[in-house]
């Protein structure tokens, strides 16, 4: 005949086993979700690099220069033909719910607000660090 201490001990072991089982299931879900997100990020980065070669990119790929951050491309439209018609800042997004980051919105706002300039910087070769 089991005494009450044995029953309590069995109950504690059973609850521990159940909690450990639930923890393992949760951990597996978290790992699976992280792996899926990682694949999505890698696919997005690859798409960003290949975007000028894909249908829907409205510029000549030879005119696009990859930056990556804070925006993906600067396009010098017409440069490959010898004349620049326009300069476009291009951000590539994959998926319908992808939104601009705060930094990307700030770049967009600076361009929209015409806070863009050309600056030529000359470095004196004798000024060495």
C-alpha atoms as a PDB file:
ATOM      1  CA  UNK A   1       0.000   0.000   0.000  1.00  0.00           C
ATOM      2  CA  UNK A   2       1.313   3.411  -0.955  1.00  0.00           C
ATOM      3  CA  UNK A   3       1.607   6.017   1.688  1.00  0.00           C
ATOM      4  CA  UNK A   4       0.777   9.684   1.115  1.00  0.00           C
ATOM      5  CA  UNK A   5       4.452  10.681   0.770  1.00  0.00           C
ATOM      6  CA  UNK A   6       4.898   8.253  -2.126  1.00  0.00           C
ATOM      7  CA  UNK A   7       1.779   9.610  -3.839  1.00  0.00           C
ATOM      8  CA  UNK A   8       2.996  13.186  -3.456  1.00  0.00           C
ATOM      9  CA  UNK A   9       6.394  12.195  -4.818  1.00  0.00           C
ATOM     10  CA  UNK A  10       4.804  10.499  -7.837  1.00  0.00           C
ATOM     11  CA  UNK A  11       2.597  13.529  -8.421  1.00  0.00           C
ATOM     12  CA  UNK A  12       5.609  15.874  -8.301  1.00  0.00           C
ATOM     13  CA  UNK A  13       7.510  13.673 -10.752  1.00  0.00           C
ATOM     14  CA  UNK A  14       4.509  13.535 -13.086  1.00  0.00           C
ATOM     15  CA  UNK A  15       4.080  17.319 -13.009  1.00  0.00           C
ATOM     16  CA  UNK A  16       7.798  17.827 -13.615  1.00  0.00           C
ATOM     17  CA  UNK A  17       7.676  15.434 -16.560  1.00  0.00           C
ATOM     18  CA  UNK A  18       4.659  17.240 -17.998  1.00  0.00           C
ATOM     19  CA  UNK A  19       6.295  20.677 -17.581  1.00  0.00           C
ATOM     20  CA  UNK A  20       9.531  19.445 -19.149  1.00  0.00           C
ATOM     21  CA  UNK A  21       7.570  17.997 -22.059  1.00  0.00           C
ATOM     22  CA  UNK A  22       5.744  21.345 -22.580  1.00  0.00           C
ATOM     23  CA  UNK A  23       9.057  23.210 -22.368  1.00  0.00           C
ATOM     24  CA  UNK A  24      10.602  20.976 -25.035  1.00  0.00           C
ATOM     25  CA  UNK A  25       7.618  21.520 -27.339  1.00  0.00           C
ATOM     26  CA  UNK A  26       7.834  25.288 -26.849  1.00  0.00           C
ATOM     27  CA  UNK A  27      11.584  25.243 -27.484  1.00  0.00           C
ATOM     28  CA  UNK A  28      11.064  23.283 -30.714  1.00  0.00           C
ATOM     29  CA  UNK A  29       8.470  25.823 -31.896  1.00  0.00           C
ATOM     30  CA  UNK A  30      10.794  28.736 -31.107  1.00  0.00           C
ATOM     31  CA  UNK A  31      13.668  27.087 -32.954  1.00  0.00           C
ATOM     32  CA  UNK A  32      11.452  26.326 -35.940  1.00  0.00           C
ATOM     33  CA  UNK A  33      10.206  29.917 -36.035  1.00  0.00           C
ATOM     34  CA  UNK A  34      13.762  31.277 -35.791  1.00  0.00           C
ATOM     35  CA  UNK A  35      14.888  29.009 -38.625  1.00  0.00           C
ATOM     36  CA  UNK A  36      11.954  30.120 -40.804  1.00  0.00           C
ATOM     37  CA  UNK A  37      12.732  33.791 -40.099  1.00  0.00           C
ATOM     38  CA  UNK A  38      16.394  33.234 -40.880  1.00  0.00           C
ATOM     39  CA  UNK A  39      15.512  31.674 -44.236  1.00  0.00           C
ATOM     40  CA  UNK A  40      13.234  34.631 -44.977  1.00  0.00           C
ATOM     41  CA  UNK A  41      15.981  37.132 -44.185  1.00  0.00           C
ATOM     42  CA  UNK A  42      18.525  35.303 -46.344  1.00  0.00           C
ATOM     43  CA  UNK A  43      16.038  35.047 -49.236  1.00  0.00           C
ATOM     44  CA  UNK A  44      15.254  38.759 -48.887  1.00  0.00           C
ATOM     45  CA  UNK A  45      18.948  39.707 -48.947  1.00  0.00           C
ATOM     46  CA  UNK A  46      19.535  37.568 -52.044  1.00  0.00           C
ATOM     47  CA  UNK A  47      16.526  39.137 -53.762  1.00  0.00           C
ATOM     48  CA  UNK A  48      17.847  42.618 -52.950  1.00  0.00           C
ATOM     49  CA  UNK A  49      21.130  41.857 -54.707  1.00  0.00           C
ATOM     50  CA  UNK A  50      19.453  40.278 -57.721  1.00  0.00           C
ATOM     51  CA  UNK A  51      16.610  42.808 -58.033  1.00  0.00           C
ATOM     52  CA  UNK A  52      18.089  44.686 -61.023  1.00  0.00           C
ATOM     53  CA  UNK A  53      18.041  41.433 -62.986  1.00  0.00           C
ATOM     54  CA  UNK A  54      14.436  40.544 -62.126  1.00  0.00           C
ATOM     55  CA  UNK A  55      11.268  41.539 -63.990  1.00  0.00           C
ATOM     56  CA  UNK A  56       9.697  44.652 -62.526  1.00  0.00           C
ATOM     57  CA  UNK A  57      12.947  46.554 -62.029  1.00  0.00           C
ATOM     58  CA  UNK A  58      12.337  49.539 -64.286  1.00  0.00           C
ATOM     59  CA  UNK A  59      15.972  50.577 -64.797  1.00  0.00           C
ATOM     60  CA  UNK A  60      18.886  49.212 -66.784  1.00  0.00           C
ATOM     61  CA  UNK A  61      20.784  46.950 -64.334  1.00  0.00           C
ATOM     62  CA  UNK A  62      24.070  48.500 -65.483  1.00  0.00           C
ATOM     63  CA  UNK A  63      22.903  51.834 -64.029  1.00  0.00           C
ATOM     64  CA  UNK A  64      22.207  50.447 -60.538  1.00  0.00           C
ATOM     65  CA  UNK A  65      24.729  50.615 -57.699  1.00  0.00           C
ATOM     66  CA  UNK A  66      24.104  48.465 -54.642  1.00  0.00           C
ATOM     67  CA  UNK A  67      24.485  50.150 -51.242  1.00  0.00           C
ATOM     68  CA  UNK A  68      22.554  47.795 -48.961  1.00  0.00           C
ATOM     69  CA  UNK A  69      22.088  50.306 -46.152  1.00  0.00           C
ATOM     70  CA  UNK A  70      20.308  52.573 -45.472  1.00  0.00           C
ATOM     71  CA  UNK A  71      18.774  51.952 -48.908  1.00  0.00           C
ATOM     72  CA  UNK A  72      19.429  49.186 -51.396  1.00  0.00           C
ATOM     73  CA  UNK A  73      20.343  50.981 -54.622  1.00  0.00           C
ATOM     74  CA  UNK A  74      21.148  54.289 -56.179  1.00  0.00           C
ATOM     75  CA  UNK A  75      20.302  54.211 -59.860  1.00  0.00           C
ATOM     76  CA  UNK A  76      21.934  56.609 -62.310  1.00  0.00           C
ATOM     77  CA  UNK A  77      19.294  56.227 -65.004  1.00  0.00           C
ATOM     78  CA  UNK A  78      20.862  56.474 -68.454  1.00  0.00           C
ATOM     79  CA  UNK A  79      24.488  56.381 -67.273  1.00  0.00           C
ATOM     80  CA  UNK A  80      25.247  53.247 -69.299  1.00  0.00           C
ATOM     81  CA  UNK A  81      24.153  55.156 -72.423  1.00  0.00           C
ATOM     82  CA  UNK A  82      26.319  58.159 -71.575  1.00  0.00           C
ATOM     83  CA  UNK A  83      23.759  60.545 -70.091  1.00  0.00           C
ATOM     84  CA  UNK A  84      22.121  60.628 -66.656  1.00  0.00           C
ATOM     85  CA  UNK A  85      18.403  61.412 -66.944  1.00  0.00           C
ATOM     86  CA  UNK A  86      17.648  61.004 -63.272  1.00  0.00           C
ATOM     87  CA  UNK A  87      19.101  59.634 -60.057  1.00  0.00           C
ATOM     88  CA  UNK A  88      16.772  57.306 -58.168  1.00  0.00           C
ATOM     89  CA  UNK A  89      17.069  55.994 -54.621  1.00  0.00           C
ATOM     90  CA  UNK A  90      15.611  52.471 -54.676  1.00  0.00           C
ATOM     91  CA  UNK A  91      14.596  50.290 -51.732  1.00  0.00           C
ATOM     92  CA  UNK A  92      13.700  46.669 -52.493  1.00  0.00           C
ATOM     93  CA  UNK A  93      10.983  44.998 -50.414  1.00  0.00           C
ATOM     94  CA  UNK A  94       9.849  41.395 -50.632  1.00  0.00           C
ATOM     95  CA  UNK A  95       6.411  40.344 -49.503  1.00  0.00           C
ATOM     96  CA  UNK A  96       3.196  42.336 -49.238  1.00  0.00           C
ATOM     97  CA  UNK A  97       3.653  43.347 -45.604  1.00  0.00           C
ATOM     98  CA  UNK A  98       7.240  44.616 -45.840  1.00  0.00           C
ATOM     99  CA  UNK A  99       7.449  48.232 -44.690  1.00  0.00           C
ATOM    100  CA  UNK A 100      10.163  50.873 -44.744  1.00  0.00           C
ATOM    101  CA  UNK A 101      12.321  51.107 -41.644  1.00  0.00           C
ATOM    102  CA  UNK A 102      12.681  54.404 -39.803  1.00  0.00           C
ATOM    103  CA  UNK A 103      16.070  55.005 -41.461  1.00  0.00           C
ATOM    104  CA  UNK A 104      14.641  54.238 -44.918  1.00  0.00           C
ATOM    105  CA  UNK A 105      11.744  56.645 -44.324  1.00  0.00           C
ATOM    106  CA  UNK A 106      14.212  59.350 -43.307  1.00  0.00           C
ATOM    107  CA  UNK A 107      16.145  58.898 -46.562  1.00  0.00           C
ATOM    108  CA  UNK A 108      12.873  58.986 -48.526  1.00  0.00           C
ATOM    109  CA  UNK A 109      11.812  62.174 -46.719  1.00  0.00           C
ATOM    110  CA  UNK A 110      15.172  63.855 -47.405  1.00  0.00           C
ATOM    111  CA  UNK A 111      14.860  63.038 -51.112  1.00  0.00           C
ATOM    112  CA  UNK A 112      11.198  64.148 -51.219  1.00  0.00           C
ATOM    113  CA  UNK A 113      12.155  67.362 -49.395  1.00  0.00           C
ATOM    114  CA  UNK A 114      14.942  67.981 -51.918  1.00  0.00           C
ATOM    115  CA  UNK A 115      17.551  67.887 -49.173  1.00  0.00           C
ATOM    116  CA  UNK A 116      20.030  66.228 -51.539  1.00  0.00           C
ATOM    117  CA  UNK A 117      23.242  67.691 -52.916  1.00  0.00           C
ATOM    118  CA  UNK A 118      26.342  66.836 -54.882  1.00  0.00           C
ATOM    119  CA  UNK A 119      29.611  67.349 -53.069  1.00  0.00           C
ATOM    120  CA  UNK A 120      33.098  67.033 -54.485  1.00  0.00           C
ATOM    121  CA  UNK A 121      35.727  66.308 -51.840  1.00  0.00           C
ATOM    122  CA  UNK A 122      39.385  66.714 -52.675  1.00  0.00           C
ATOM    123  CA  UNK A 123      41.974  64.980 -50.539  1.00  0.00           C
ATOM    124  CA  UNK A 124      45.536  66.247 -50.476  1.00  0.00           C
ATOM    125  CA  UNK A 125      47.766  63.197 -50.950  1.00  0.00           C
ATOM    126  CA  UNK A 126      50.411  64.756 -48.681  1.00  0.00           C
ATOM    127  CA  UNK A 127      47.917  64.719 -45.760  1.00  0.00           C
ATOM    128  CA  UNK A 128      48.507  61.238 -44.434  1.00  0.00           C
ATOM    129  CA  UNK A 129      47.339  59.903 -41.146  1.00  0.00           C
END
